[in-house]
Structures are given as structure tokens and as C-alpha cells.
Amino acid sequence: MIGAATTGAAERLRGPIEAEVVRILDGDTVEVRARIWLGQTITTLVRIDGIDTPERRSRCAAEKDAADRARTLVAEMLPAGAAVRLHGVKTGKYAGRVVAAVETAAGVDVATALLDRALARPYDGRTRAGWCD
């Protein structure tokens, strides 16, 4: 049936979905304006799939510093207004946010760039491990 909706965790948009960066929240979350249809966009938060970055709200100074470095790298890669492509978009476990692979207009995967610089670690959606000893 054309137009039949599916719901649940298995729902996914393969993409690529063209989007524009609105702002960077932290190392693994960006706000984008995604083009969802001709002449229609939606602004949403995107958690970068497959990674976890340090949190600024940590009690540990080393994690706070690493969080700042991760956010700075993402901001350099994805300045406000930059074009990005989203792949494998799925519903996040927190309301108002989706999870997707984020790629720069030049084809650079943001998660890979963070992992390569040890500013992120692989994350499968389960309980996050701390960044402090």
C-alpha cells in the first residue's frame, strides 16, 4: 500500500537527506534545518550516530576540556549555514531528537573525524561509560 506508515524503532530514512547546519550543541549533537519535501524544511536536533563524546557538565576537568575540543572540531567542520547530508536517520531515544550519520558537503563523516582524533568513542545506544578515571 502506497503511503502506509510504519512506526517503531525499526523506522529509518536511508537518505541522503540534505540539510543546513543551524548550530552545534556539543560534540555529538547538532541542530539542522533539513529539506523534507519540495519547499518544506524542518528544524531538528541530530545526535551523531555511532559515537559518544565527552560532556561539558562533567565533574572532571579532563572531560570538560575534551568536550570543548570535540565541540570545537565539529563547529569547524560544520559552521552555521554549512550544507550537510544525513544518512540512516532514525528516531532517537530522547524526544525531539533523531539519530543519523552526518556528512559534510565534501563527504567527510563527522563521527569518523571525531573517532580518529580520540574525541569520541564508539557508542551503540546503551549505557554510556564515564570519561574520567
N, C-alpha and C. Protein backbone atom coordinates (compact mmCIF):
# COMPACT_ATOMS: atom_id res chain seq x y z
N MET A 1 0.84 -1.17 0.00
CA MET A 1 0.00 0.00 0.00
C MET A 1 0.90 1.25 0.00
N ILE A 2 0.70 2.09 -0.97
CA ILE A 2 1.49 3.32 -1.06
C ILE A 2 1.09 4.25 0.08
N GLY A 3 2.10 4.82 0.73
CA GLY A 3 1.83 5.77 1.81
C GLY A 3 1.56 5.13 3.16
N ALA A 4 1.61 3.82 3.23
CA ALA A 4 1.39 3.17 4.52
C ALA A 4 2.50 3.56 5.47
N ALA A 5 2.14 3.95 6.66
CA ALA A 5 3.12 4.38 7.66
C ALA A 5 3.57 3.21 8.50
N THR A 6 4.82 3.23 8.84
CA THR A 6 5.33 2.27 9.80
C THR A 6 5.78 3.04 11.02
N THR A 7 5.66 2.44 12.15
CA THR A 7 6.10 3.11 13.37
C THR A 7 7.00 2.18 14.15
N GLY A 8 7.69 2.77 15.09
CA GLY A 8 8.54 1.96 15.95
C GLY A 8 10.01 2.20 15.69
N ALA A 9 10.82 1.50 16.47
CA ALA A 9 12.26 1.70 16.43
C ALA A 9 12.87 1.31 15.08
N ALA A 10 12.21 0.43 14.32
CA ALA A 10 12.77 -0.02 13.06
C ALA A 10 12.62 1.01 11.94
N GLU A 11 11.83 2.04 12.14
CA GLU A 11 11.63 3.04 11.10
C GLU A 11 12.92 3.82 10.86
N ARG A 12 13.27 3.96 9.57
CA ARG A 12 14.54 4.62 9.22
C ARG A 12 14.42 5.22 7.83
N LEU A 13 15.01 6.41 7.67
CA LEU A 13 15.12 7.04 6.36
C LEU A 13 16.57 6.88 5.92
N ARG A 14 16.80 6.18 4.85
CA ARG A 14 18.17 5.89 4.42
C ARG A 14 18.94 7.14 4.03
N GLY A 15 18.29 8.07 3.35
CA GLY A 15 18.97 9.27 2.92
C GLY A 15 19.76 9.04 1.65
N PRO A 16 20.53 9.98 1.22
CA PRO A 16 20.89 11.17 1.99
C PRO A 16 19.76 12.21 2.04
N ILE A 17 19.69 12.88 3.15
CA ILE A 17 18.78 13.99 3.35
C ILE A 17 19.63 15.24 3.42
N GLU A 18 19.36 16.18 2.53
CA GLU A 18 20.11 17.44 2.50
C GLU A 18 19.66 18.30 3.68
N ALA A 19 20.61 18.94 4.36
CA ALA A 19 20.29 19.79 5.50
C ALA A 19 21.30 20.93 5.58
N GLU A 20 20.97 21.89 6.42
CA GLU A 20 21.83 23.04 6.67
C GLU A 20 22.04 23.15 8.17
N VAL A 21 23.27 23.37 8.57
CA VAL A 21 23.60 23.47 9.99
C VAL A 21 23.02 24.77 10.56
N VAL A 22 22.32 24.64 11.68
CA VAL A 22 21.81 25.80 12.41
C VAL A 22 22.78 26.15 13.53
N ARG A 23 23.15 25.14 14.34
CA ARG A 23 24.10 25.37 15.43
C ARG A 23 24.62 24.03 15.94
N ILE A 24 25.72 24.12 16.66
CA ILE A 24 26.34 22.94 17.28
C ILE A 24 26.02 22.99 18.77
N LEU A 25 25.44 21.92 19.30
CA LEU A 25 25.16 21.88 20.73
C LEU A 25 26.35 21.34 21.51
N ASP A 26 26.91 20.23 21.03
CA ASP A 26 28.10 19.65 21.66
C ASP A 26 28.77 18.75 20.63
N GLY A 27 29.69 17.93 21.06
CA GLY A 27 30.45 17.13 20.12
C GLY A 27 29.65 16.10 19.35
N ASP A 28 28.52 15.66 19.89
CA ASP A 28 27.74 14.65 19.18
C ASP A 28 26.30 15.06 18.88
N THR A 29 25.98 16.34 19.03
CA THR A 29 24.62 16.80 18.72
C THR A 29 24.66 18.12 17.97
N VAL A 30 23.98 18.16 16.83
CA VAL A 30 23.88 19.36 16.02
C VAL A 30 22.41 19.65 15.73
N GLU A 31 22.12 20.91 15.51
CA GLU A 31 20.78 21.29 15.09
C GLU A 31 20.86 21.61 13.60
N VAL A 32 19.93 21.05 12.83
CA VAL A 32 19.92 21.26 11.38
C VAL A 32 18.53 21.65 10.91
N ARG A 33 18.52 22.26 9.74
CA ARG A 33 17.28 22.54 9.02
C ARG A 33 17.31 21.60 7.82
N ALA A 34 16.48 20.54 7.86
CA ALA A 34 16.50 19.51 6.83
C ALA A 34 15.40 19.74 5.81
N ARG A 35 15.74 19.52 4.56
CA ARG A 35 14.76 19.63 3.48
C ARG A 35 14.02 18.30 3.39
N ILE A 36 12.73 18.33 3.74
CA ILE A 36 11.96 17.09 3.78
C ILE A 36 11.05 16.91 2.59
N TRP A 37 10.83 17.98 1.84
CA TRP A 37 9.95 17.94 0.68
C TRP A 37 10.19 19.21 -0.10
N LEU A 38 9.70 19.29 -1.29
CA LEU A 38 9.86 20.50 -2.08
C LEU A 38 9.30 21.70 -1.33
N GLY A 39 10.16 22.67 -1.07
CA GLY A 39 9.73 23.88 -0.39
C GLY A 39 9.41 23.71 1.08
N GLN A 40 9.75 22.57 1.67
CA GLN A 40 9.46 22.33 3.09
C GLN A 40 10.71 21.89 3.83
N THR A 41 10.94 22.53 4.96
CA THR A 41 12.06 22.15 5.81
C THR A 41 11.57 21.95 7.23
N ILE A 42 12.37 21.26 8.01
CA ILE A 42 12.09 21.07 9.42
C ILE A 42 13.39 21.28 10.18
N THR A 43 13.32 21.95 11.31
CA THR A 43 14.49 22.14 12.15
C THR A 43 14.43 21.09 13.25
N THR A 44 15.53 20.36 13.42
CA THR A 44 15.56 19.28 14.39
C THR A 44 16.97 19.08 14.95
N LEU A 45 17.04 18.46 16.10
CA LEU A 45 18.32 18.08 16.70
C LEU A 45 18.71 16.71 16.18
N VAL A 46 20.00 16.57 15.84
CA VAL A 46 20.52 15.30 15.33
C VAL A 46 21.66 14.84 16.23
N ARG A 47 21.51 13.65 16.79
CA ARG A 47 22.61 13.02 17.53
C ARG A 47 23.40 12.23 16.51
N ILE A 48 24.70 12.45 16.48
CA ILE A 48 25.55 11.77 15.50
C ILE A 48 25.62 10.28 15.87
N ASP A 49 25.23 9.46 14.93
CA ASP A 49 25.11 8.02 15.16
C ASP A 49 26.46 7.36 15.37
N GLY A 50 26.48 6.42 16.32
CA GLY A 50 27.63 5.55 16.50
C GLY A 50 28.75 6.06 17.38
N ILE A 51 28.58 7.27 17.94
CA ILE A 51 29.65 7.80 18.79
C ILE A 51 29.09 8.40 20.08
N ASP A 52 29.99 8.54 21.03
CA ASP A 52 29.71 9.28 22.27
C ASP A 52 30.90 10.21 22.48
N THR A 53 30.60 11.47 22.76
CA THR A 53 31.67 12.43 23.04
C THR A 53 31.61 12.84 24.50
N PRO A 54 32.70 13.37 25.03
CA PRO A 54 32.72 13.82 26.42
C PRO A 54 31.68 14.91 26.66
N GLU A 55 31.25 15.03 27.91
CA GLU A 55 30.23 16.01 28.30
C GLU A 55 30.85 17.19 29.02
N ARG A 56 30.39 18.36 28.70
CA ARG A 56 30.85 19.59 29.35
C ARG A 56 30.42 19.65 30.82
N ARG A 57 29.30 19.00 31.14
CA ARG A 57 28.77 19.03 32.51
C ARG A 57 29.46 18.04 33.45
N SER A 58 30.59 17.54 33.07
CA SER A 58 31.32 16.57 33.88
C SER A 58 31.89 17.21 35.15
N ARG A 59 32.17 16.38 36.14
CA ARG A 59 32.86 16.84 37.35
C ARG A 59 34.38 16.85 37.14
N CYS A 60 34.82 16.23 36.07
CA CYS A 60 36.24 16.03 35.79
C CYS A 60 36.74 17.07 34.79
N ALA A 61 37.81 17.77 35.12
CA ALA A 61 38.37 18.82 34.26
C ALA A 61 38.84 18.26 32.91
N ALA A 62 39.39 17.05 32.92
CA ALA A 62 39.87 16.46 31.66
C ALA A 62 38.72 16.20 30.69
N GLU A 63 37.59 15.75 31.22
CA GLU A 63 36.43 15.51 30.35
C GLU A 63 35.87 16.83 29.83
N LYS A 64 35.81 17.85 30.67
CA LYS A 64 35.33 19.16 30.22
C LYS A 64 36.21 19.70 29.08
N ASP A 65 37.52 19.54 29.23
CA ASP A 65 38.44 20.00 28.19
C ASP A 65 38.24 19.22 26.90
N ALA A 66 38.10 17.90 27.01
CA ALA A 66 37.88 17.07 25.83
C ALA A 66 36.54 17.41 25.17
N ALA A 67 35.52 17.72 25.98
CA ALA A 67 34.21 18.12 25.45
C ALA A 67 34.33 19.40 24.64
N ASP A 68 35.10 20.34 25.16
CA ASP A 68 35.31 21.61 24.44
C ASP A 68 36.04 21.37 23.12
N ARG A 69 37.04 20.49 23.13
CA ARG A 69 37.79 20.20 21.90
C ARG A 69 36.91 19.49 20.87
N ALA A 70 36.06 18.58 21.33
CA ALA A 70 35.15 17.88 20.42
C ALA A 70 34.16 18.86 19.79
N ARG A 71 33.58 19.73 20.60
CA ARG A 71 32.63 20.72 20.09
C ARG A 71 33.32 21.66 19.10
N THR A 72 34.54 22.08 19.41
CA THR A 72 35.28 22.97 18.52
C THR A 72 35.54 22.32 17.18
N LEU A 73 35.94 21.05 17.17
CA LEU A 73 36.17 20.34 15.91
C LEU A 73 34.90 20.28 15.09
N VAL A 74 33.79 19.92 15.72
CA VAL A 74 32.52 19.83 14.99
C VAL A 74 32.12 21.20 14.46
N ALA A 75 32.31 22.24 15.25
CA ALA A 75 31.98 23.60 14.79
C ALA A 75 32.85 24.02 13.61
N GLU A 76 34.10 23.59 13.59
CA GLU A 76 34.98 23.89 12.45
C GLU A 76 34.54 23.12 11.20
N MET A 77 34.13 21.88 11.38
CA MET A 77 33.68 21.06 10.26
C MET A 77 32.31 21.48 9.74
N LEU A 78 31.46 21.96 10.66
CA LEU A 78 30.06 22.27 10.34
C LEU A 78 29.69 23.67 10.80
N PRO A 79 30.25 24.70 10.19
CA PRO A 79 29.88 26.05 10.60
C PRO A 79 28.41 26.33 10.30
N ALA A 80 27.82 27.25 11.02
CA ALA A 80 26.42 27.62 10.80
C ALA A 80 26.21 27.95 9.33
N GLY A 81 25.16 27.38 8.76
CA GLY A 81 24.85 27.60 7.35
C GLY A 81 25.45 26.58 6.41
N ALA A 82 26.36 25.75 6.92
CA ALA A 82 27.02 24.76 6.06
C ALA A 82 26.02 23.68 5.62
N ALA A 83 26.21 23.20 4.41
CA ALA A 83 25.40 22.09 3.90
C ALA A 83 25.94 20.78 4.45
N VAL A 84 25.04 19.90 4.85
CA VAL A 84 25.40 18.56 5.32
C VAL A 84 24.43 17.56 4.71
N ARG A 85 24.82 16.29 4.78
CA ARG A 85 23.93 15.21 4.37
C ARG A 85 23.75 14.27 5.56
N LEU A 86 22.51 13.87 5.78
CA LEU A 86 22.17 12.93 6.84
C LEU A 86 21.88 11.57 6.21
N HIS A 87 22.41 10.52 6.84
CA HIS A 87 22.20 9.16 6.35
C HIS A 87 21.66 8.30 7.49
N GLY A 88 20.80 7.35 7.17
CA GLY A 88 20.31 6.41 8.17
C GLY A 88 19.57 7.08 9.31
N VAL A 89 18.72 8.02 9.00
CA VAL A 89 18.01 8.78 10.03
C VAL A 89 16.98 7.88 10.72
N LYS A 90 17.03 7.86 12.04
CA LYS A 90 16.08 7.07 12.82
C LYS A 90 15.68 7.86 14.06
N THR A 91 14.63 7.42 14.70
CA THR A 91 14.15 8.06 15.90
C THR A 91 15.14 7.87 17.04
N GLY A 92 15.44 8.95 17.75
CA GLY A 92 16.32 8.86 18.91
C GLY A 92 15.53 8.42 20.13
N LYS A 93 16.24 8.04 21.19
CA LYS A 93 15.53 7.60 22.39
C LYS A 93 15.07 8.75 23.27
N TYR A 94 15.47 9.98 22.92
CA TYR A 94 15.01 11.14 23.66
C TYR A 94 14.14 11.98 22.75
N ALA A 95 13.03 12.44 23.25
CA ALA A 95 12.06 13.18 22.44
C ALA A 95 12.68 14.39 21.76
N GLY A 96 12.29 14.61 20.53
CA GLY A 96 12.73 15.79 19.82
C GLY A 96 14.08 15.67 19.14
N ARG A 97 14.65 14.50 19.13
CA ARG A 97 15.97 14.34 18.52
C ARG A 97 15.98 13.07 17.67
N VAL A 98 16.65 13.15 16.54
CA VAL A 98 16.84 11.97 15.71
C VAL A 98 18.31 11.56 15.79
N VAL A 99 18.60 10.37 15.30
CA VAL A 99 19.97 9.86 15.25
C VAL A 99 20.29 9.63 13.78
N ALA A 100 21.47 10.08 13.35
CA ALA A 100 21.85 9.91 11.95
C ALA A 100 23.35 10.05 11.79
N ALA A 101 23.86 9.46 10.73
CA ALA A 101 25.24 9.73 10.31
C ALA A 101 25.22 11.12 9.68
N VAL A 102 26.23 11.93 9.98
CA VAL A 102 26.32 13.29 9.46
C VAL A 102 27.58 13.40 8.62
N GLU A 103 27.39 13.90 7.41
CA GLU A 103 28.49 14.01 6.45
C GLU A 103 28.58 15.45 5.95
N THR A 104 29.79 15.97 5.86
CA THR A 104 29.98 17.32 5.34
C THR A 104 29.67 17.33 3.84
N ALA A 105 29.56 18.52 3.27
CA ALA A 105 29.32 18.65 1.83
C ALA A 105 30.46 18.02 1.03
N ALA A 106 31.66 17.98 1.61
CA ALA A 106 32.82 17.38 0.95
C ALA A 106 32.88 15.86 1.12
N GLY A 107 31.90 15.29 1.84
CA GLY A 107 31.85 13.84 2.02
C GLY A 107 32.59 13.30 3.22
N VAL A 108 32.99 14.17 4.15
CA VAL A 108 33.71 13.73 5.36
C VAL A 108 32.71 13.34 6.44
N ASP A 109 32.85 12.12 6.96
CA ASP A 109 31.98 11.63 8.02
C ASP A 109 32.43 12.25 9.35
N VAL A 110 31.53 12.95 10.02
CA VAL A 110 31.87 13.66 11.25
C VAL A 110 32.24 12.69 12.37
N ALA A 111 31.53 11.58 12.49
CA ALA A 111 31.84 10.60 13.54
C ALA A 111 33.25 10.06 13.37
N THR A 112 33.63 9.74 12.15
CA THR A 112 34.97 9.21 11.90
C THR A 112 36.04 10.24 12.27
N ALA A 113 35.81 11.50 11.93
CA ALA A 113 36.78 12.55 12.26
C ALA A 113 36.97 12.65 13.77
N LEU A 114 35.89 12.57 14.53
CA LEU A 114 35.99 12.63 16.00
C LEU A 114 36.69 11.40 16.56
N LEU A 115 36.35 10.22 16.04
CA LEU A 115 37.00 8.99 16.50
C LEU A 115 38.48 9.00 16.19
N ASP A 116 38.85 9.46 15.00
CA ASP A 116 40.26 9.50 14.59
C ASP A 116 41.10 10.39 15.50
N ARG A 117 40.49 11.39 16.11
CA ARG A 117 41.21 12.32 16.99
C ARG A 117 41.01 11.99 18.47
N ALA A 118 40.44 10.84 18.75
CA ALA A 118 40.18 10.37 20.13
C ALA A 118 39.29 11.34 20.89
N LEU A 119 38.41 12.04 20.18
CA LEU A 119 37.46 12.95 20.82
C LEU A 119 36.07 12.33 20.92
N ALA A 120 35.97 11.07 20.54
CA ALA A 120 34.74 10.30 20.65
C ALA A 120 35.14 8.84 20.76
N ARG A 121 34.18 8.04 21.20
CA ARG A 121 34.39 6.60 21.19
C ARG A 121 33.13 5.95 20.64
N PRO A 122 33.25 4.74 20.15
CA PRO A 122 32.07 4.06 19.61
C PRO A 122 30.97 3.96 20.66
N TYR A 123 29.73 4.08 20.20
CA TYR A 123 28.57 4.05 21.10
C TYR A 123 27.43 3.33 20.40
N ASP A 124 26.85 2.36 21.10
CA ASP A 124 25.78 1.57 20.50
C ASP A 124 24.39 1.89 21.05
N GLY A 125 24.28 2.98 21.80
CA GLY A 125 22.98 3.37 22.33
C GLY A 125 22.68 2.85 23.72
N ARG A 126 23.54 2.03 24.23
CA ARG A 126 23.32 1.51 25.59
C ARG A 126 23.88 2.50 26.60
N THR A 127 24.11 2.06 27.80
CA THR A 127 24.63 2.92 28.86
C THR A 127 25.99 3.47 28.49
N ARG A 128 26.14 4.77 28.66
CA ARG A 128 27.42 5.43 28.37
C ARG A 128 28.40 5.17 29.51
N ALA A 129 29.64 5.02 29.17
CA ALA A 129 30.70 4.88 30.17
C ALA A 129 31.24 6.28 30.47
N GLY A 130 31.76 6.48 31.67
CA GLY A 130 32.34 7.76 32.03
C GLY A 130 33.65 8.01 31.30
N TRP A 131 34.02 9.26 31.21
CA TRP A 131 35.28 9.65 30.57
C TRP A 131 36.39 9.93 31.57
N CYS A 132 36.07 9.97 32.84
CA CYS A 132 37.05 10.25 33.88
C CYS A 132 37.48 8.95 34.54
N ASP A 133 38.68 8.94 35.10
CA ASP A 133 39.18 7.73 35.78
C ASP A 133 38.40 7.45 37.03
